[in-house]
N, C-alpha and C. Protein backbone atom coordinates (compact mmCIF):
# COMPACT_ATOMS: atom_id res chain seq x y z
N MET A 1 -13.25 -7.83 9.48
CA MET A 1 -11.89 -8.34 9.42
C MET A 1 -11.08 -7.55 8.38
N VAL A 2 -11.58 -7.54 7.16
CA VAL A 2 -10.88 -6.82 6.09
C VAL A 2 -10.95 -5.32 6.35
N GLY A 3 -12.09 -4.87 6.86
CA GLY A 3 -12.25 -3.44 7.16
C GLY A 3 -11.26 -2.97 8.20
N LYS A 4 -11.03 -3.80 9.23
CA LYS A 4 -10.06 -3.44 10.27
C LYS A 4 -8.65 -3.37 9.69
N PHE A 5 -8.33 -4.31 8.81
CA PHE A 5 -7.01 -4.31 8.17
C PHE A 5 -6.82 -3.06 7.34
N ILE A 6 -7.85 -2.68 6.57
CA ILE A 6 -7.75 -1.48 5.74
C ILE A 6 -7.58 -0.25 6.61
N MET A 7 -8.31 -0.16 7.71
CA MET A 7 -8.19 0.99 8.61
C MET A 7 -6.79 1.06 9.21
N LYS A 8 -6.24 -0.09 9.61
CA LYS A 8 -4.88 -0.11 10.17
C LYS A 8 -3.86 0.30 9.12
N ALA A 9 -4.03 -0.17 7.89
CA ALA A 9 -3.10 0.19 6.81
C ALA A 9 -3.18 1.68 6.51
N GLN A 10 -4.38 2.24 6.52
CA GLN A 10 -4.53 3.68 6.28
C GLN A 10 -3.87 4.49 7.39
N ALA A 11 -4.08 4.05 8.64
CA ALA A 11 -3.49 4.77 9.77
C ALA A 11 -1.96 4.69 9.71
N TRP A 12 -1.43 3.52 9.37
CA TRP A 12 0.02 3.35 9.28
C TRP A 12 0.59 4.25 8.18
N ALA A 13 -0.06 4.24 6.99
CA ALA A 13 0.43 5.06 5.88
C ALA A 13 0.32 6.55 6.21
N ASP A 14 -0.76 6.95 6.86
CA ASP A 14 -0.93 8.35 7.25
C ASP A 14 0.15 8.79 8.23
N GLU A 15 0.43 7.93 9.19
CA GLU A 15 1.45 8.26 10.20
C GLU A 15 2.84 8.34 9.55
N ARG A 16 3.15 7.44 8.64
CA ARG A 16 4.45 7.46 7.96
C ARG A 16 4.60 8.71 7.09
N LEU A 17 3.54 9.07 6.35
CA LEU A 17 3.61 10.26 5.51
C LEU A 17 3.74 11.53 6.33
N ARG A 18 3.02 11.60 7.45
CA ARG A 18 3.13 12.78 8.31
C ARG A 18 4.53 12.90 8.90
N ARG A 19 5.11 11.79 9.31
CA ARG A 19 6.46 11.81 9.86
C ARG A 19 7.48 12.21 8.80
N LEU A 20 7.31 11.68 7.58
CA LEU A 20 8.22 12.00 6.48
C LEU A 20 8.07 13.47 6.06
N ALA A 21 6.84 13.96 5.97
CA ALA A 21 6.61 15.34 5.56
C ALA A 21 7.03 16.33 6.65
N GLY A 22 7.03 15.89 7.89
CA GLY A 22 7.44 16.77 8.97
C GLY A 22 8.91 17.10 8.93
N ARG A 23 9.72 16.26 8.31
CA ARG A 23 11.16 16.48 8.23
C ARG A 23 11.53 17.45 7.12
N ILE A 24 10.63 17.66 6.18
CA ILE A 24 10.92 18.52 5.03
C ILE A 24 10.59 19.97 5.39
N THR A 25 11.46 20.87 4.97
CA THR A 25 11.22 22.30 5.22
C THR A 25 10.07 22.79 4.34
N PRO A 26 9.38 23.84 4.75
CA PRO A 26 8.26 24.36 3.94
C PRO A 26 8.66 24.77 2.53
N ASP A 27 9.86 25.33 2.36
CA ASP A 27 10.32 25.69 1.03
C ASP A 27 10.51 24.46 0.15
N MET A 28 11.04 23.40 0.75
CA MET A 28 11.25 22.16 0.00
C MET A 28 9.90 21.54 -0.38
N ARG A 29 8.89 21.64 0.48
CA ARG A 29 7.56 21.13 0.15
C ARG A 29 7.00 21.84 -1.07
N VAL A 30 7.18 23.16 -1.14
CA VAL A 30 6.69 23.93 -2.28
C VAL A 30 7.39 23.47 -3.55
N VAL A 31 8.69 23.26 -3.47
CA VAL A 31 9.45 22.82 -4.64
C VAL A 31 8.97 21.43 -5.08
N ILE A 32 8.76 20.53 -4.14
CA ILE A 32 8.30 19.18 -4.48
C ILE A 32 6.92 19.22 -5.13
N VAL A 33 6.02 20.02 -4.57
CA VAL A 33 4.67 20.12 -5.14
C VAL A 33 4.72 20.71 -6.54
N LEU A 34 5.52 21.74 -6.75
CA LEU A 34 5.63 22.34 -8.08
C LEU A 34 6.23 21.38 -9.10
N VAL A 35 7.25 20.63 -8.70
CA VAL A 35 7.86 19.66 -9.62
C VAL A 35 6.86 18.57 -9.98
N MET A 36 6.11 18.10 -8.98
CA MET A 36 5.11 17.06 -9.25
C MET A 36 3.99 17.59 -10.16
N MET A 37 3.55 18.83 -9.92
CA MET A 37 2.52 19.42 -10.77
C MET A 37 3.02 19.57 -12.20
N LEU A 38 4.25 19.98 -12.37
CA LEU A 38 4.83 20.13 -13.69
C LEU A 38 4.94 18.78 -14.40
N ALA A 39 5.40 17.77 -13.68
CA ALA A 39 5.56 16.44 -14.28
C ALA A 39 4.20 15.84 -14.67
N PHE A 40 3.23 15.87 -13.76
CA PHE A 40 1.93 15.30 -14.07
C PHE A 40 1.19 16.13 -15.12
N GLY A 41 1.35 17.45 -15.10
CA GLY A 41 0.74 18.29 -16.13
C GLY A 41 1.33 18.01 -17.49
N GLY A 42 2.65 17.86 -17.56
CA GLY A 42 3.29 17.53 -18.83
C GLY A 42 2.85 16.18 -19.36
N LEU A 43 2.74 15.21 -18.47
CA LEU A 43 2.27 13.88 -18.87
C LEU A 43 0.83 13.94 -19.38
N SER A 44 0.00 14.73 -18.73
CA SER A 44 -1.39 14.88 -19.16
C SER A 44 -1.48 15.52 -20.54
N VAL A 45 -0.70 16.57 -20.76
CA VAL A 45 -0.70 17.23 -22.07
C VAL A 45 -0.19 16.28 -23.15
N TYR A 46 0.86 15.53 -22.85
CA TYR A 46 1.40 14.58 -23.82
C TYR A 46 0.37 13.53 -24.20
N MET A 47 -0.31 12.96 -23.20
CA MET A 47 -1.31 11.93 -23.48
C MET A 47 -2.47 12.50 -24.30
N THR A 48 -2.90 13.71 -23.98
CA THR A 48 -4.00 14.32 -24.71
C THR A 48 -3.62 14.60 -26.15
N VAL A 49 -2.45 15.18 -26.37
CA VAL A 49 -2.00 15.51 -27.72
C VAL A 49 -1.77 14.24 -28.54
N SER A 50 -1.18 13.23 -27.95
CA SER A 50 -0.94 11.99 -28.71
C SER A 50 -2.25 11.29 -29.04
N ALA A 51 -3.24 11.37 -28.15
CA ALA A 51 -4.54 10.76 -28.45
C ALA A 51 -5.24 11.51 -29.57
N ILE A 52 -5.17 12.83 -29.57
CA ILE A 52 -5.79 13.62 -30.63
C ILE A 52 -5.07 13.38 -31.96
N TYR A 53 -3.76 13.23 -31.92
CA TYR A 53 -2.98 13.00 -33.13
C TYR A 53 -3.36 11.66 -33.78
N ARG A 54 -3.65 10.66 -32.94
CA ARG A 54 -3.95 9.33 -33.46
C ARG A 54 -5.40 9.13 -33.87
N ILE A 55 -6.25 10.15 -33.72
CA ILE A 55 -7.65 10.00 -34.12
C ILE A 55 -7.70 9.82 -35.63
N GLY A 56 -8.39 8.82 -36.08
CA GLY A 56 -8.55 8.59 -37.52
C GLY A 56 -7.47 7.75 -38.14
N ARG A 57 -6.39 7.53 -37.43
CA ARG A 57 -5.32 6.67 -37.96
C ARG A 57 -5.62 5.24 -37.58
N ASN A 58 -5.67 4.38 -38.58
CA ASN A 58 -5.92 2.96 -38.32
C ASN A 58 -4.67 2.14 -38.50
N ASP A 59 -3.54 2.77 -38.66
CA ASP A 59 -2.27 2.09 -38.88
C ASP A 59 -2.34 1.09 -40.04
N GLY A 60 -2.99 1.50 -41.12
CA GLY A 60 -3.07 0.65 -42.31
C GLY A 60 -4.19 -0.37 -42.27
N ARG A 61 -4.90 -0.47 -41.18
CA ARG A 61 -5.99 -1.43 -41.09
C ARG A 61 -7.30 -0.73 -41.43
N GLU A 62 -8.16 -1.46 -42.09
CA GLU A 62 -9.47 -0.91 -42.42
C GLU A 62 -10.52 -1.85 -41.86
N THR A 63 -11.50 -1.28 -41.23
CA THR A 63 -12.56 -2.10 -40.64
C THR A 63 -13.46 -2.61 -41.74
N GLY A 64 -13.59 -3.91 -41.82
CA GLY A 64 -14.44 -4.51 -42.84
C GLY A 64 -15.88 -4.60 -42.35
N ILE A 65 -16.80 -4.37 -43.26
CA ILE A 65 -18.21 -4.45 -42.93
C ILE A 65 -18.74 -5.75 -43.51
N GLU A 66 -19.34 -6.55 -42.66
CA GLU A 66 -19.92 -7.82 -43.11
C GLU A 66 -21.42 -7.77 -42.91
N HIS A 67 -22.12 -8.44 -43.81
CA HIS A 67 -23.57 -8.53 -43.66
C HIS A 67 -23.90 -9.68 -42.72
N ILE A 68 -25.02 -9.55 -42.08
CA ILE A 68 -25.46 -10.61 -41.17
C ILE A 68 -25.91 -11.80 -42.00
N ARG A 69 -25.39 -12.95 -41.66
CA ARG A 69 -25.74 -14.17 -42.39
C ARG A 69 -26.91 -14.86 -41.70
N ARG A 70 -27.65 -15.61 -42.51
CA ARG A 70 -28.78 -16.35 -41.96
C ARG A 70 -28.25 -17.49 -41.11
N LEU A 71 -28.82 -17.66 -39.96
CA LEU A 71 -28.40 -18.71 -39.05
C LEU A 71 -28.91 -20.05 -39.53
N GLN A 72 -28.01 -21.00 -39.70
CA GLN A 72 -28.38 -22.33 -40.17
C GLN A 72 -28.76 -23.19 -38.96
N LEU A 73 -30.04 -23.51 -38.87
CA LEU A 73 -30.52 -24.33 -37.77
C LEU A 73 -30.76 -25.75 -38.25
N SER A 74 -30.53 -26.68 -37.37
CA SER A 74 -30.79 -28.08 -37.73
C SER A 74 -32.28 -28.34 -37.63
N ASN A 75 -32.76 -29.35 -38.38
CA ASN A 75 -34.17 -29.72 -38.29
C ASN A 75 -34.39 -30.43 -36.97
N ASP A 76 -35.04 -29.77 -36.13
CA ASP A 76 -35.18 -30.18 -34.76
C ASP A 76 -36.67 -30.21 -34.42
N SER A 77 -37.06 -30.97 -33.45
CA SER A 77 -38.48 -31.03 -33.08
C SER A 77 -38.93 -29.71 -32.44
N ILE A 78 -38.00 -28.96 -31.92
CA ILE A 78 -38.37 -27.67 -31.32
C ILE A 78 -38.66 -26.68 -32.44
N ILE A 79 -37.91 -26.74 -33.55
CA ILE A 79 -38.10 -25.82 -34.65
C ILE A 79 -39.34 -26.21 -35.45
N ASN A 80 -39.46 -27.48 -35.80
CA ASN A 80 -40.59 -28.00 -36.57
C ASN A 80 -41.30 -29.06 -35.74
N PRO A 81 -42.17 -28.69 -34.85
CA PRO A 81 -42.76 -29.69 -33.94
C PRO A 81 -43.68 -30.68 -34.64
N PHE A 82 -44.23 -30.35 -35.82
CA PHE A 82 -45.17 -31.25 -36.49
C PHE A 82 -44.51 -32.06 -37.59
N ASN A 83 -43.23 -31.84 -37.81
CA ASN A 83 -42.51 -32.55 -38.86
C ASN A 83 -41.90 -33.81 -38.25
N LYS A 84 -42.53 -34.97 -38.48
CA LYS A 84 -42.01 -36.25 -37.98
C LYS A 84 -41.15 -36.88 -39.04
N GLN A 85 -39.92 -37.19 -38.72
CA GLN A 85 -39.03 -37.78 -39.71
C GLN A 85 -38.89 -39.23 -39.50
């Protein structure tokens, strides 16, 4: 059921894209592809550079180190099976 719906949606989208791309001249397709490559490439470079720039910056926050505390368990028959209270 869901598989048939997905196949129909893919076929519909493929047909619409082919019809839309068929109206564009080959020169215009090259221009569109180059503009998209430039935009996505620029976005990729920006994200990479901004991520590298922010390495080591904690924005004034410092990670605190805490020691593991001993777990406080109640006196239970499971913990002390021979201790009758």
